[in-house]
Amino acid sequence: MGLIERNSLITNISPPFDHLLATQFVDEFLSMERRFIQRDWEPTELDAGQFAEITSRILYHLDSGTLNYTKGVGECIDYFNNNAVTHNLTNLPFNVARKEIIHISKVLQAIYKFRSDRGAVHISATYEPNHMDSKYLIESVRWCMNEMLRIFWNGDREEVAKTIRELLQFDVPCIGVFGDILIVQRTDLRPDEEILILLHYAGENGFSRRELGIHSLSSAPLVTTSIKKLSAPDKRQVIQLKNGNYRLTDLGSRRIRLELADKLLLSI
């Protein structure tokens, strides 16, 4: 079970979202996240613009009652700001304040205009502007995604809180899932690094010692030694939960971000 379960995510937002739009919404977000962690900066502006289109159509459908798969971002935002029409969102069971939709629409408008109007501005000979642009857009998209889930999640509120927290974590391209088999597809990792990456992939639920033994290609003694090392008082990067599973602490997540980000990639 990875950080983001696509089908579960779609199920919990459709309804109220139209199923096709919900699927596009999730797939566009996951595609953008995956490209970002793989340092594929260039397509981010296009992906962010498509995310803005899909999200604005979802909100337009909920607010107007009309399903339109081709409605433009500008048209949708004009509708949200039109005081002369009835806004259904304020009457839905979600008790959505209109100002919340206006906030989201302004961010969507900024994302979309950025994609349309952004010129190439080179900061220096050593800094690639696509990285800066991509960073801005991915954070804006993440905010919109989290707001949409916070407002419209069709399920347990603790589960949506967990999902939002996990959406803020990295995807793990180096981990492959082939049927019932999960494997770290890098050959240059130390046993403790492999354990950290597996636990990062496992999210808040973590993995049991048995699962770590199955998924890791290190020997059983090395897996045990690595867990002890990572959970030792001088490291505290892994903690054992009451159910026996192991998961990352904040220190473990910090090490992933600062030291092992490159090793989350598939290529070596």
C-alpha atoms as a PDB file:
ATOM      1  CA  MET A   1       0.000   0.000   0.000  1.00  0.00           C
ATOM      2  CA  GLY A   2       1.664   3.211  -1.167  1.00  0.00           C
ATOM      3  CA  LEU A   3       1.344   6.791  -0.089  1.00  0.00           C
ATOM      4  CA  ILE A   4      -1.525   7.519  -2.456  1.00  0.00           C
ATOM      5  CA  GLU A   5      -4.062   4.892  -3.463  1.00  0.00           C
ATOM      6  CA  ARG A   6      -5.540   6.192  -6.705  1.00  0.00           C
ATOM      7  CA  ASN A   7      -8.786   4.199  -6.763  1.00  0.00           C
ATOM      8  CA  SER A   8      -9.545   4.841  -3.101  1.00  0.00           C
ATOM      9  CA  LEU A   9      -8.971   8.550  -3.586  1.00  0.00           C
ATOM     10  CA  ILE A  10     -11.325   8.687  -6.582  1.00  0.00           C
ATOM     11  CA  THR A  11     -13.994   6.681  -4.724  1.00  0.00           C
ATOM     12  CA  ASN A  12     -13.990   9.114  -1.817  1.00  0.00           C
ATOM     13  CA  ILE A  13     -14.582  12.186  -3.987  1.00  0.00           C
ATOM     14  CA  SER A  14     -17.065  10.855  -6.559  1.00  0.00           C
ATOM     15  CA  PRO A  15     -19.680  11.726  -5.632  1.00  0.00           C
ATOM     16  CA  PRO A  16     -19.874  14.648  -5.145  1.00  0.00           C
ATOM     17  CA  PHE A  17     -17.496  15.071  -8.110  1.00  0.00           C
ATOM     18  CA  ASP A  18     -18.503  13.685 -11.488  1.00  0.00           C
ATOM     19  CA  HIS A  19     -16.613  10.388 -11.832  1.00  0.00           C
ATOM     20  CA  LEU A  20     -14.811  11.305 -15.066  1.00  0.00           C
ATOM     21  CA  LEU A  21     -13.734  14.694 -13.703  1.00  0.00           C
ATOM     22  CA  ALA A  22     -12.676  13.070 -10.418  1.00  0.00           C
ATOM     23  CA  THR A  23     -10.536  10.573 -12.325  1.00  0.00           C
ATOM     24  CA  GLN A  24      -8.937  13.344 -14.390  1.00  0.00           C
ATOM     25  CA  PHE A  25      -8.436  15.415 -11.241  1.00  0.00           C
ATOM     26  CA  VAL A  26      -6.537  12.650  -9.424  1.00  0.00           C
ATOM     27  CA  ASP A  27      -4.583  11.441 -12.466  1.00  0.00           C
ATOM     28  CA  GLU A  28      -3.423  14.947 -13.380  1.00  0.00           C
ATOM     29  CA  PHE A  29      -2.262  15.566  -9.828  1.00  0.00           C
ATOM     30  CA  LEU A  30      -0.386  12.269  -9.610  1.00  0.00           C
ATOM     31  CA  SER A  31       1.213  12.805 -13.021  1.00  0.00           C
ATOM     32  CA  MET A  32       2.419  16.257 -12.005  1.00  0.00           C
ATOM     33  CA  GLU A  33       3.798  14.997  -8.687  1.00  0.00           C
ATOM     34  CA  ARG A  34       5.610  12.136 -10.406  1.00  0.00           C
ATOM     35  CA  ARG A  35       7.192  14.409 -12.993  1.00  0.00           C
ATOM     36  CA  PHE A  36       8.235  16.870 -10.315  1.00  0.00           C
ATOM     37  CA  ILE A  37      10.071  14.302  -8.203  1.00  0.00           C
ATOM     38  CA  GLN A  38      11.720  12.980 -11.362  1.00  0.00           C
ATOM     39  CA  ARG A  39      12.957  16.535 -12.041  1.00  0.00           C
ATOM     40  CA  ASP A  40      11.043  16.736 -15.300  1.00  0.00           C
ATOM     41  CA  TRP A  41      10.430  20.470 -14.936  1.00  0.00           C
ATOM     42  CA  GLU A  42       9.407  21.440 -18.441  1.00  0.00           C
ATOM     43  CA  PRO A  43       5.923  19.810 -18.634  1.00  0.00           C
ATOM     44  CA  THR A  44       4.839  21.234 -15.262  1.00  0.00           C
ATOM     45  CA  GLU A  45       3.305  24.409 -16.676  1.00  0.00           C
ATOM     46  CA  LEU A  46       1.131  22.411 -19.086  1.00  0.00           C
ATOM     47  CA  ASP A  47       0.152  19.910 -16.392  1.00  0.00           C
ATOM     48  CA  ALA A  48      -0.713  22.690 -13.933  1.00  0.00           C
ATOM     49  CA  GLY A  49      -2.887  24.387 -16.539  1.00  0.00           C
ATOM     50  CA  GLN A  50      -4.759  21.152 -17.184  1.00  0.00           C
ATOM     51  CA  PHE A  51      -5.226  20.662 -13.437  1.00  0.00           C
ATOM     52  CA  ALA A  52      -6.704  24.184 -13.230  1.00  0.00           C
ATOM     53  CA  GLU A  53      -9.114  23.393 -16.086  1.00  0.00           C
ATOM     54  CA  ILE A  54     -10.321  20.165 -14.477  1.00  0.00           C
ATOM     55  CA  THR A  55     -10.695  21.667 -11.001  1.00  0.00           C
ATOM     56  CA  SER A  56     -12.599  24.709 -12.258  1.00  0.00           C
ATOM     57  CA  ARG A  57     -15.007  22.404 -14.164  1.00  0.00           C
ATOM     58  CA  ILE A  58     -15.597  20.358 -11.015  1.00  0.00           C
ATOM     59  CA  LEU A  59     -16.457  23.477  -9.038  1.00  0.00           C
ATOM     60  CA  TYR A  60     -18.605  24.851 -11.887  1.00  0.00           C
ATOM     61  CA  HIS A  61     -20.574  21.587 -12.001  1.00  0.00           C
ATOM     62  CA  LEU A  62     -21.191  21.656  -8.254  1.00  0.00           C
ATOM     63  CA  ASP A  63     -21.996  25.359  -8.178  1.00  0.00           C
ATOM     64  CA  SER A  64     -24.204  25.600 -11.287  1.00  0.00           C
ATOM     65  CA  GLY A  65     -25.621  22.080 -11.492  1.00  0.00           C
ATOM     66  CA  THR A  66     -24.488  21.912 -15.131  1.00  0.00           C
ATOM     67  CA  LEU A  67     -21.898  19.340 -16.209  1.00  0.00           C
ATOM     68  CA  ASN A  68     -19.601  20.687 -18.907  1.00  0.00           C
ATOM     69  CA  TYR A  69     -16.383  18.889 -19.866  1.00  0.00           C
ATOM     70  CA  THR A  70     -15.097  21.739 -22.031  1.00  0.00           C
ATOM     71  CA  LYS A  71     -15.866  24.822 -19.944  1.00  0.00           C
ATOM     72  CA  GLY A  72     -12.902  27.215 -19.811  1.00  0.00           C
ATOM     73  CA  VAL A  73     -11.194  28.331 -16.629  1.00  0.00           C
ATOM     74  CA  GLY A  74     -12.092  31.967 -17.245  1.00  0.00           C
ATOM     75  CA  GLU A  75     -15.758  31.139 -17.835  1.00  0.00           C
ATOM     76  CA  CYS A  76     -15.930  29.110 -14.641  1.00  0.00           C
ATOM     77  CA  ILE A  77     -14.291  31.831 -12.566  1.00  0.00           C
ATOM     78  CA  ASP A  78     -16.627  34.461 -14.019  1.00  0.00           C
ATOM     79  CA  TYR A  79     -19.536  32.310 -12.852  1.00  0.00           C
ATOM     80  CA  PHE A  80     -18.137  31.981  -9.310  1.00  0.00           C
ATOM     81  CA  ASN A  81     -17.856  35.760  -9.095  1.00  0.00           C
ATOM     82  CA  ASN A  82     -21.290  36.492 -10.583  1.00  0.00           C
ATOM     83  CA  ASN A  83     -23.650  37.771  -7.890  1.00  0.00           C
ATOM     84  CA  ALA A  84     -26.648  37.607 -10.240  1.00  0.00           C
ATOM     85  CA  VAL A  85     -26.810  33.786 -10.364  1.00  0.00           C
ATOM     86  CA  THR A  86     -27.743  31.186  -7.771  1.00  0.00           C
ATOM     87  CA  HIS A  87     -24.691  29.468  -6.292  1.00  0.00           C
ATOM     88  CA  ASN A  88     -25.639  25.910  -5.394  1.00  0.00           C
ATOM     89  CA  LEU A  89     -22.437  25.254  -3.449  1.00  0.00           C
ATOM     90  CA  THR A  90     -23.729  27.254  -0.508  1.00  0.00           C
ATOM     91  CA  ASN A  91     -26.795  24.975  -0.376  1.00  0.00           C
ATOM     92  CA  LEU A  92     -24.997  21.639  -0.527  1.00  0.00           C
ATOM     93  CA  PRO A  93     -24.643  19.421   2.577  1.00  0.00           C
ATOM     94  CA  PHE A  94     -20.959  20.329   2.728  1.00  0.00           C
ATOM     95  CA  ASN A  95     -21.862  23.830   3.939  1.00  0.00           C
ATOM     96  CA  VAL A  96     -19.290  25.377   1.629  1.00  0.00           C
ATOM     97  CA  ALA A  97     -18.714  29.067   2.190  1.00  0.00           C
ATOM     98  CA  ARG A  98     -18.615  30.950  -1.088  1.00  0.00           C
ATOM     99  CA  LYS A  99     -15.428  32.694  -0.037  1.00  0.00           C
ATOM    100  CA  GLU A 100     -13.693  29.290   0.070  1.00  0.00           C
ATOM    101  CA  ILE A 101     -14.504  28.707  -3.592  1.00  0.00           C
ATOM    102  CA  ILE A 102     -13.399  32.240  -4.459  1.00  0.00           C
ATOM    103  CA  HIS A 103     -10.036  31.594  -2.765  1.00  0.00           C
ATOM    104  CA  ILE A 104      -9.536  28.386  -4.744  1.00  0.00           C
ATOM    105  CA  SER A 105     -10.624  30.044  -7.986  1.00  0.00           C
ATOM    106  CA  LYS A 106      -8.083  32.836  -7.551  1.00  0.00           C
ATOM    107  CA  VAL A 107      -5.266  30.322  -7.166  1.00  0.00           C
ATOM    108  CA  LEU A 108      -6.546  28.383 -10.192  1.00  0.00           C
ATOM    109  CA  GLN A 109      -6.629  31.612 -12.185  1.00  0.00           C
ATOM    110  CA  ALA A 110      -3.037  32.401 -11.185  1.00  0.00           C
ATOM    111  CA  ILE A 111      -1.927  28.894 -12.187  1.00  0.00           C
ATOM    112  CA  TYR A 112      -3.670  29.120 -15.538  1.00  0.00           C
ATOM    113  CA  LYS A 113      -2.480  32.647 -16.339  1.00  0.00           C
ATOM    114  CA  PHE A 114       1.051  31.682 -15.349  1.00  0.00           C
ATOM    115  CA  ARG A 115       0.941  28.865 -17.876  1.00  0.00           C
ATOM    116  CA  SER A 116      -0.368  31.193 -20.583  1.00  0.00           C
ATOM    117  CA  ASP A 117       1.730  34.287 -19.975  1.00  0.00           C
ATOM    118  CA  ARG A 118       5.011  33.155 -18.406  1.00  0.00           C
ATOM    119  CA  GLY A 119       8.146  34.194 -20.277  1.00  0.00           C
ATOM    120  CA  ALA A 120      11.608  32.689 -19.971  1.00  0.00           C
ATOM    121  CA  VAL A 121      13.500  34.725 -17.390  1.00  0.00           C
ATOM    122  CA  HIS A 122      17.004  33.457 -16.731  1.00  0.00           C
ATOM    123  CA  ILE A 123      18.179  34.213 -13.216  1.00  0.00           C
ATOM    124  CA  SER A 124      21.766  33.136 -13.708  1.00  0.00           C
ATOM    125  CA  ALA A 125      23.921  30.811 -15.755  1.00  0.00           C
ATOM    126  CA  THR A 126      23.702  28.135 -13.057  1.00  0.00           C
ATOM    127  CA  TYR A 127      20.011  28.308 -12.079  1.00  0.00           C
ATOM    128  CA  GLU A 128      17.432  26.738 -14.345  1.00  0.00           C
ATOM    129  CA  PRO A 129      14.254  28.876 -14.325  1.00  0.00           C
ATOM    130  CA  ASN A 130      12.072  25.865 -15.094  1.00  0.00           C
ATOM    131  CA  HIS A 131      12.867  24.536 -11.624  1.00  0.00           C
ATOM    132  CA  MET A 132      11.701  27.716  -9.917  1.00  0.00           C
ATOM    133  CA  ASP A 133       8.553  27.852 -12.058  1.00  0.00           C
ATOM    134  CA  SER A 134       7.837  24.179 -11.417  1.00  0.00           C
ATOM    135  CA  LYS A 135       8.281  24.622  -7.660  1.00  0.00           C
ATOM    136  CA  TYR A 136       5.784  27.495  -7.593  1.00  0.00           C
ATOM    137  CA  LEU A 137       3.218  25.608  -9.654  1.00  0.00           C
ATOM    138  CA  ILE A 138       3.482  22.310  -7.793  1.00  0.00           C
ATOM    139  CA  GLU A 139       2.943  24.041  -4.437  1.00  0.00           C
ATOM    140  CA  SER A 140      -0.073  25.941  -5.812  1.00  0.00           C
ATOM    141  CA  VAL A 141      -1.574  22.732  -7.200  1.00  0.00           C
ATOM    142  CA  ARG A 142      -0.934  20.931  -3.897  1.00  0.00           C
ATOM    143  CA  TRP A 143      -2.771  23.671  -2.013  1.00  0.00           C
ATOM    144  CA  CYS A 144      -5.771  23.449  -4.350  1.00  0.00           C
ATOM    145  CA  MET A 145      -5.802  19.657  -4.120  1.00  0.00           C
ATOM    146  CA  ASN A 146      -5.732  19.732  -0.329  1.00  0.00           C
ATOM    147  CA  GLU A 147      -8.485  22.359  -0.134  1.00  0.00           C
ATOM    148  CA  MET A 148     -10.716  20.333  -2.463  1.00  0.00           C
ATOM    149  CA  LEU A 149     -10.207  17.216  -0.357  1.00  0.00           C
ATOM    150  CA  ARG A 150     -10.742  19.101   2.898  1.00  0.00           C
ATOM    151  CA  ILE A 151     -14.070  20.488   1.676  1.00  0.00           C
ATOM    152  CA  PHE A 152     -15.517  17.644  -0.389  1.00  0.00           C
ATOM    153  CA  TRP A 153     -14.075  14.371   0.950  1.00  0.00           C
ATOM    154  CA  ASN A 154     -16.881  11.789   1.118  1.00  0.00           C
ATOM    155  CA  GLY A 155     -15.673   9.777   4.067  1.00  0.00           C
ATOM    156  CA  ASP A 156     -14.061   9.740   7.487  1.00  0.00           C
ATOM    157  CA  ARG A 157     -12.521  13.095   8.431  1.00  0.00           C
ATOM    158  CA  GLU A 158      -9.491  11.445  10.026  1.00  0.00           C
ATOM    159  CA  GLU A 159      -8.881   9.609   6.772  1.00  0.00           C
ATOM    160  CA  VAL A 160      -8.929  12.835   4.762  1.00  0.00           C
ATOM    161  CA  ALA A 161      -6.504  14.414   7.231  1.00  0.00           C
ATOM    162  CA  LYS A 162      -4.181  11.441   6.774  1.00  0.00           C
ATOM    163  CA  THR A 163      -4.530  11.644   2.986  1.00  0.00           C
ATOM    164  CA  ILE A 164      -3.715  15.350   2.963  1.00  0.00           C
ATOM    165  CA  ARG A 165      -0.606  14.754   5.053  1.00  0.00           C
ATOM    166  CA  GLU A 166       0.528  11.967   2.751  1.00  0.00           C
ATOM    167  CA  LEU A 167      -0.122  14.024  -0.379  1.00  0.00           C
ATOM    168  CA  LEU A 168       2.543  16.414   0.875  1.00  0.00           C
ATOM    169  CA  GLN A 169       5.149  13.653   0.762  1.00  0.00           C
ATOM    170  CA  PHE A 170       7.249  12.588  -2.186  1.00  0.00           C
ATOM    171  CA  ASP A 171       6.169   9.970  -4.655  1.00  0.00           C
ATOM    172  CA  VAL A 172       8.587   7.012  -4.838  1.00  0.00           C
ATOM    173  CA  PRO A 173       9.395   6.253  -8.499  1.00  0.00           C
ATOM    174  CA  CYS A 174      12.146   3.778  -7.570  1.00  0.00           C
ATOM    175  CA  ILE A 175       9.596   1.410  -6.034  1.00  0.00           C
ATOM    176  CA  GLY A 176       7.838  -0.900  -8.458  1.00  0.00           C
ATOM    177  CA  VAL A 177       4.716  -2.957  -7.823  1.00  0.00           C
ATOM    178  CA  PHE A 178       4.320  -6.039  -9.991  1.00  0.00           C
ATOM    179  CA  GLY A 179       1.154  -7.895  -9.053  1.00  0.00           C
ATOM    180  CA  ASP A 180       1.608  -8.855  -5.405  1.00  0.00           C
ATOM    181  CA  ILE A 181       5.338  -8.129  -5.478  1.00  0.00           C
ATOM    182  CA  LEU A 182       6.764  -4.805  -4.281  1.00  0.00           C
ATOM    183  CA  ILE A 183      10.439  -4.116  -4.908  1.00  0.00           C
ATOM    184  CA  VAL A 184      12.926  -1.264  -4.583  1.00  0.00           C
ATOM    185  CA  GLN A 185      14.384  -1.030  -8.076  1.00  0.00           C
ATOM    186  CA  ARG A 186      17.772   0.376  -7.162  1.00  0.00           C
ATOM    187  CA  THR A 187      20.962  -1.567  -6.562  1.00  0.00           C
ATOM    188  CA  ASP A 188      23.044   1.172  -4.953  1.00  0.00           C
ATOM    189  CA  LEU A 189      21.255   1.448  -1.585  1.00  0.00           C
ATOM    190  CA  ARG A 190      22.606   0.475   1.809  1.00  0.00           C
ATOM    191  CA  PRO A 191      20.228  -1.759   3.836  1.00  0.00           C
ATOM    192  CA  ASP A 192      19.259   1.106   6.162  1.00  0.00           C
ATOM    193  CA  GLU A 193      18.534   3.386   3.181  1.00  0.00           C
ATOM    194  CA  GLU A 194      16.342   0.724   1.594  1.00  0.00           C
ATOM    195  CA  ILE A 195      14.385   0.377   4.851  1.00  0.00           C
ATOM    196  CA  LEU A 196      13.888   4.156   5.055  1.00  0.00           C
ATOM    197  CA  ILE A 197      12.615   4.316   1.473  1.00  0.00           C
ATOM    198  CA  LEU A 198      10.246   1.379   2.036  1.00  0.00           C
ATOM    199  CA  LEU A 199       8.842   3.028   5.159  1.00  0.00           C
ATOM    200  CA  HIS A 200       8.501   6.329   3.331  1.00  0.00           C
ATOM    201  CA  TYR A 201       6.466   4.501   0.697  1.00  0.00           C
ATOM    202  CA  ALA A 202       4.350   2.835   3.400  1.00  0.00           C
ATOM    203  CA  GLY A 203       3.132   6.180   4.741  1.00  0.00           C
ATOM    204  CA  GLU A 204       1.488   6.522   8.146  1.00  0.00           C
ATOM    205  CA  ASN A 205       0.410   2.873   8.331  1.00  0.00           C
ATOM    206  CA  GLY A 206       3.997   1.663   8.089  1.00  0.00           C
ATOM    207  CA  PHE A 207       5.156  -1.895   7.438  1.00  0.00           C
ATOM    208  CA  SER A 208       5.480  -4.845   9.799  1.00  0.00           C
ATOM    209  CA  ARG A 209       8.860  -6.538  10.317  1.00  0.00           C
ATOM    210  CA  ARG A 210       7.613  -9.401   8.172  1.00  0.00           C
ATOM    211  CA  GLU A 211       6.579  -7.051   5.345  1.00  0.00           C
ATOM    212  CA  LEU A 212       9.933  -5.277   5.466  1.00  0.00           C
ATOM    213  CA  GLY A 213      11.641  -8.657   5.228  1.00  0.00           C
ATOM    214  CA  ILE A 214       9.539  -9.573   2.191  1.00  0.00           C
ATOM    215  CA  HIS A 215      10.000  -6.276   0.361  1.00  0.00           C
ATOM    216  CA  SER A 216      13.692  -5.794   1.127  1.00  0.00           C
ATOM    217  CA  LEU A 217      16.298  -7.753  -0.806  1.00  0.00           C
ATOM    218  CA  SER A 218      18.706  -7.523   2.113  1.00  0.00           C
ATOM    219  CA  SER A 219      19.256 -10.547   4.324  1.00  0.00           C
ATOM    220  CA  ALA A 220      17.056 -10.993   7.389  1.00  0.00           C
ATOM    221  CA  PRO A 221      19.891 -10.151   9.842  1.00  0.00           C
ATOM    222  CA  LEU A 222      20.685  -6.945   7.897  1.00  0.00           C
ATOM    223  CA  VAL A 223      17.016  -5.895   7.944  1.00  0.00           C
ATOM    224  CA  THR A 224      16.849  -6.422  11.703  1.00  0.00           C
ATOM    225  CA  THR A 225      20.139  -4.588  12.245  1.00  0.00           C
ATOM    226  CA  SER A 226      18.978  -1.678  10.086  1.00  0.00           C
ATOM    227  CA  ILE A 227      15.700  -1.319  12.000  1.00  0.00           C
ATOM    228  CA  LYS A 228      17.562  -1.335  15.321  1.00  0.00           C
ATOM    229  CA  LYS A 229      20.053   1.214  14.010  1.00  0.00           C
ATOM    230  CA  LEU A 230      17.348   3.559  12.671  1.00  0.00           C
ATOM    231  CA  SER A 231      15.263   3.359  15.852  1.00  0.00           C
ATOM    232  CA  ALA A 232      18.210   3.717  18.237  1.00  0.00           C
ATOM    233  CA  PRO A 233      18.255   6.728  20.625  1.00  0.00           C
ATOM    234  CA  ASP A 234      20.978   8.472  18.617  1.00  0.00           C
ATOM    235  CA  LYS A 235      18.947   8.209  15.351  1.00  0.00           C
ATOM    236  CA  ARG A 236      15.207   8.018  16.188  1.00  0.00           C
ATOM    237  CA  GLN A 237      14.316   7.941  12.478  1.00  0.00           C
ATOM    238  CA  VAL A 238      12.011   4.912  12.789  1.00  0.00           C
ATOM    239  CA  ILE A 239       9.455   4.123  15.483  1.00  0.00           C
ATOM    240  CA  GLN A 240       7.410   1.007  16.243  1.00  0.00           C
ATOM    241  CA  LEU A 241       3.662   1.578  16.511  1.00  0.00           C
ATOM    242  CA  LYS A 242       1.342  -0.117  18.992  1.00  0.00           C
ATOM    243  CA  ASN A 243       0.204  -2.571  16.307  1.00  0.00           C
ATOM    244  CA  GLY A 244       3.812  -3.658  15.784  1.00  0.00           C
ATOM    245  CA  ASN A 245       4.350  -1.880  12.476  1.00  0.00           C
ATOM    246  CA  TYR A 246       7.308   0.403  11.879  1.00  0.00           C
ATOM    247  CA  ARG A 247       6.985   3.879  10.383  1.00  0.00           C
ATOM    248  CA  LEU A 248       9.145   6.946   9.839  1.00  0.00           C
ATOM    249  CA  THR A 249       9.411   9.661  12.466  1.00  0.00           C
ATOM    250  CA  ASP A 250       9.760  13.322  11.470  1.00  0.00           C
ATOM    251  CA  LEU A 251      13.518  12.834  11.714  1.00  0.00           C
ATOM    252  CA  GLY A 252      13.270   9.940   9.273  1.00  0.00           C
ATOM    253  CA  SER A 253      11.205  11.996   6.847  1.00  0.00           C
ATOM    254  CA  ARG A 254      13.721  14.831   7.168  1.00  0.00           C
ATOM    255  CA  ARG A 255      16.550  12.479   6.238  1.00  0.00           C
ATOM    256  CA  ILE A 256      14.579  11.337   3.172  1.00  0.00           C
ATOM    257  CA  ARG A 257      14.175  14.917   2.020  1.00  0.00           C
ATOM    258  CA  LEU A 258      17.701  16.102   2.767  1.00  0.00           C
ATOM    259  CA  GLU A 259      19.821  13.050   1.986  1.00  0.00           C
ATOM    260  CA  LEU A 260      17.851  10.515  -0.024  1.00  0.00           C
ATOM    261  CA  ALA A 261      15.675  12.532  -2.424  1.00  0.00           C
ATOM    262  CA  ASP A 262      17.894  11.606  -5.369  1.00  0.00           C
ATOM    263  CA  LYS A 263      17.646   7.929  -4.443  1.00  0.00           C
ATOM    264  CA  LEU A 264      13.860   7.975  -4.710  1.00  0.00           C
ATOM    265  CA  LEU A 265      14.329   8.206  -8.457  1.00  0.00           C
ATOM    266  CA  LEU A 266      14.318   5.131 -10.649  1.00  0.00           C
ATOM    267  CA  SER A 267      17.459   5.963 -12.609  1.00  0.00           C
ATOM    268  CA  ILE A 268      20.867   5.361 -11.049  1.00  0.00           C
END
